[in-house]
Amino acid sequence: MDSDRANSVAKTFGFSQDELKLLLVAVRQMRRTFAQARKTDASLDAYARLYDALFEKLRDMAGPLPEAVEDIIE
């Protein structure tokens, strides 16, 4: 998604770029939480996949991120 479209989508939902970055960090943390737990409990896999998909959607909405932020969220 190009930067202008990403900004437009974010604004449509009422998010600033900073808020999107915060959401990305929060979802990244949940993905990390589920990564360990799903190794021992397969029933959590569906929830983990939802967080993975949400992360990708938010990542796409955020558009290009500074390298420092990119390194943190991956």
C-alpha atoms as a PDB file:
ATOM      1  CA  MET A   1       0.000   0.000   0.000  1.00  0.00           C
ATOM      2  CA  ASP A   2       1.448   3.375  -0.907  1.00  0.00           C
ATOM      3  CA  SER A   3       2.021   5.992   1.776  1.00  0.00           C
ATOM      4  CA  ASP A   4      -0.853   8.297   0.735  1.00  0.00           C
ATOM      5  CA  ARG A   5      -3.347   5.447   0.688  1.00  0.00           C
ATOM      6  CA  ALA A   6      -2.056   4.137   4.035  1.00  0.00           C
ATOM      7  CA  ASN A   7      -2.539   7.575   5.596  1.00  0.00           C
ATOM      8  CA  SER A   8      -6.024   7.803   4.106  1.00  0.00           C
ATOM      9  CA  VAL A   9      -7.026   4.396   5.467  1.00  0.00           C
ATOM     10  CA  ALA A  10      -5.621   5.226   8.905  1.00  0.00           C
ATOM     11  CA  LYS A  11      -7.466   8.547   8.993  1.00  0.00           C
ATOM     12  CA  THR A  12     -10.696   6.861   7.877  1.00  0.00           C
ATOM     13  CA  PHE A  13     -10.566   4.789  11.036  1.00  0.00           C
ATOM     14  CA  GLY A  14      -9.480   7.763  13.148  1.00  0.00           C
ATOM     15  CA  PHE A  15      -5.881   6.665  13.778  1.00  0.00           C
ATOM     16  CA  SER A  16      -2.850   8.898  13.655  1.00  0.00           C
ATOM     17  CA  GLN A  17       0.439   7.432  12.439  1.00  0.00           C
ATOM     18  CA  ASP A  18       1.701   7.389  16.035  1.00  0.00           C
ATOM     19  CA  GLU A  19      -1.388   5.489  17.178  1.00  0.00           C
ATOM     20  CA  LEU A  20      -0.865   2.931  14.424  1.00  0.00           C
ATOM     21  CA  LYS A  21       2.717   2.453  15.560  1.00  0.00           C
ATOM     22  CA  LEU A  22       1.538   1.905  19.133  1.00  0.00           C
ATOM     23  CA  LEU A  23      -1.019  -0.643  17.934  1.00  0.00           C
ATOM     24  CA  LEU A  24       1.694  -2.436  15.980  1.00  0.00           C
ATOM     25  CA  VAL A  25       3.853  -2.676  19.088  1.00  0.00           C
ATOM     26  CA  ALA A  26       0.924  -3.961  21.165  1.00  0.00           C
ATOM     27  CA  VAL A  27      -0.037  -6.588  18.597  1.00  0.00           C
ATOM     28  CA  ARG A  28       3.612  -7.579  18.205  1.00  0.00           C
ATOM     29  CA  GLN A  29       3.740  -8.229  21.949  1.00  0.00           C
ATOM     30  CA  MET A  30       0.637 -10.421  21.760  1.00  0.00           C
ATOM     31  CA  ARG A  31       2.184 -12.348  18.854  1.00  0.00           C
ATOM     32  CA  ARG A  32       5.254 -12.985  20.995  1.00  0.00           C
ATOM     33  CA  THR A  33       3.056 -14.119  23.885  1.00  0.00           C
ATOM     34  CA  PHE A  34       1.201 -16.586  21.669  1.00  0.00           C
ATOM     35  CA  ALA A  35       4.376 -17.788  19.938  1.00  0.00           C
ATOM     36  CA  GLN A  36       5.603 -19.529  23.076  1.00  0.00           C
ATOM     37  CA  ALA A  37       2.188 -20.698  24.270  1.00  0.00           C
ATOM     38  CA  ARG A  38       1.124 -22.179  20.920  1.00  0.00           C
ATOM     39  CA  LYS A  39       4.116 -24.531  21.036  1.00  0.00           C
ATOM     40  CA  THR A  40       2.536 -26.378  23.959  1.00  0.00           C
ATOM     41  CA  ASP A  41      -1.192 -25.740  23.377  1.00  0.00           C
ATOM     42  CA  ALA A  42      -2.469 -26.211  19.833  1.00  0.00           C
ATOM     43  CA  SER A  43      -5.863 -24.768  20.788  1.00  0.00           C
ATOM     44  CA  LEU A  44      -4.251 -21.314  20.871  1.00  0.00           C
ATOM     45  CA  ASP A  45      -3.185 -21.519  17.240  1.00  0.00           C
ATOM     46  CA  ALA A  46      -6.410 -19.955  15.934  1.00  0.00           C
ATOM     47  CA  TYR A  47      -5.974 -16.928  18.212  1.00  0.00           C
ATOM     48  CA  ALA A  48      -2.333 -16.623  17.271  1.00  0.00           C
ATOM     49  CA  ARG A  49      -3.233 -16.622  13.567  1.00  0.00           C
ATOM     50  CA  LEU A  50      -5.754 -13.825  14.204  1.00  0.00           C
ATOM     51  CA  TYR A  51      -3.031 -11.716  15.816  1.00  0.00           C
ATOM     52  CA  ASP A  52      -0.680 -12.503  12.929  1.00  0.00           C
ATOM     53  CA  ALA A  53      -3.305 -11.344  10.415  1.00  0.00           C
ATOM     54  CA  LEU A  54      -4.098  -8.230  12.459  1.00  0.00           C
ATOM     55  CA  PHE A  55      -0.414  -7.375  12.649  1.00  0.00           C
ATOM     56  CA  GLU A  56      -0.079  -7.612   8.862  1.00  0.00           C
ATOM     57  CA  LYS A  57      -3.142  -5.401   8.304  1.00  0.00           C
ATOM     58  CA  LEU A  58      -1.903  -2.757  10.737  1.00  0.00           C
ATOM     59  CA  ARG A  59       1.588  -2.964   9.249  1.00  0.00           C
ATOM     60  CA  ASP A  60       0.110  -2.329   5.808  1.00  0.00           C
ATOM     61  CA  MET A  61      -1.977   0.599   7.092  1.00  0.00           C
ATOM     62  CA  ALA A  62       1.033   2.186   8.775  1.00  0.00           C
ATOM     63  CA  GLY A  63       2.884   2.484   5.469  1.00  0.00           C
ATOM     64  CA  PRO A  64       6.637   3.054   5.381  1.00  0.00           C
ATOM     65  CA  LEU A  65       8.192   3.151   8.825  1.00  0.00           C
ATOM     66  CA  PRO A  66      11.559   4.535   9.882  1.00  0.00           C
ATOM     67  CA  GLU A  67      14.250   1.841  10.082  1.00  0.00           C
ATOM     68  CA  ALA A  68      14.480   2.183  13.849  1.00  0.00           C
ATOM     69  CA  VAL A  69      10.772   1.413  14.212  1.00  0.00           C
ATOM     70  CA  GLU A  70      10.894  -1.344  11.599  1.00  0.00           C
ATOM     71  CA  ASP A  71      13.635  -3.116  13.554  1.00  0.00           C
ATOM     72  CA  ILE A  72      11.654  -2.899  16.779  1.00  0.00           C
ATOM     73  CA  ILE A  73       8.388  -4.340  15.478  1.00  0.00           C
ATOM     74  CA  GLU A  74       9.807  -7.291  13.554  1.00  0.00           C
END
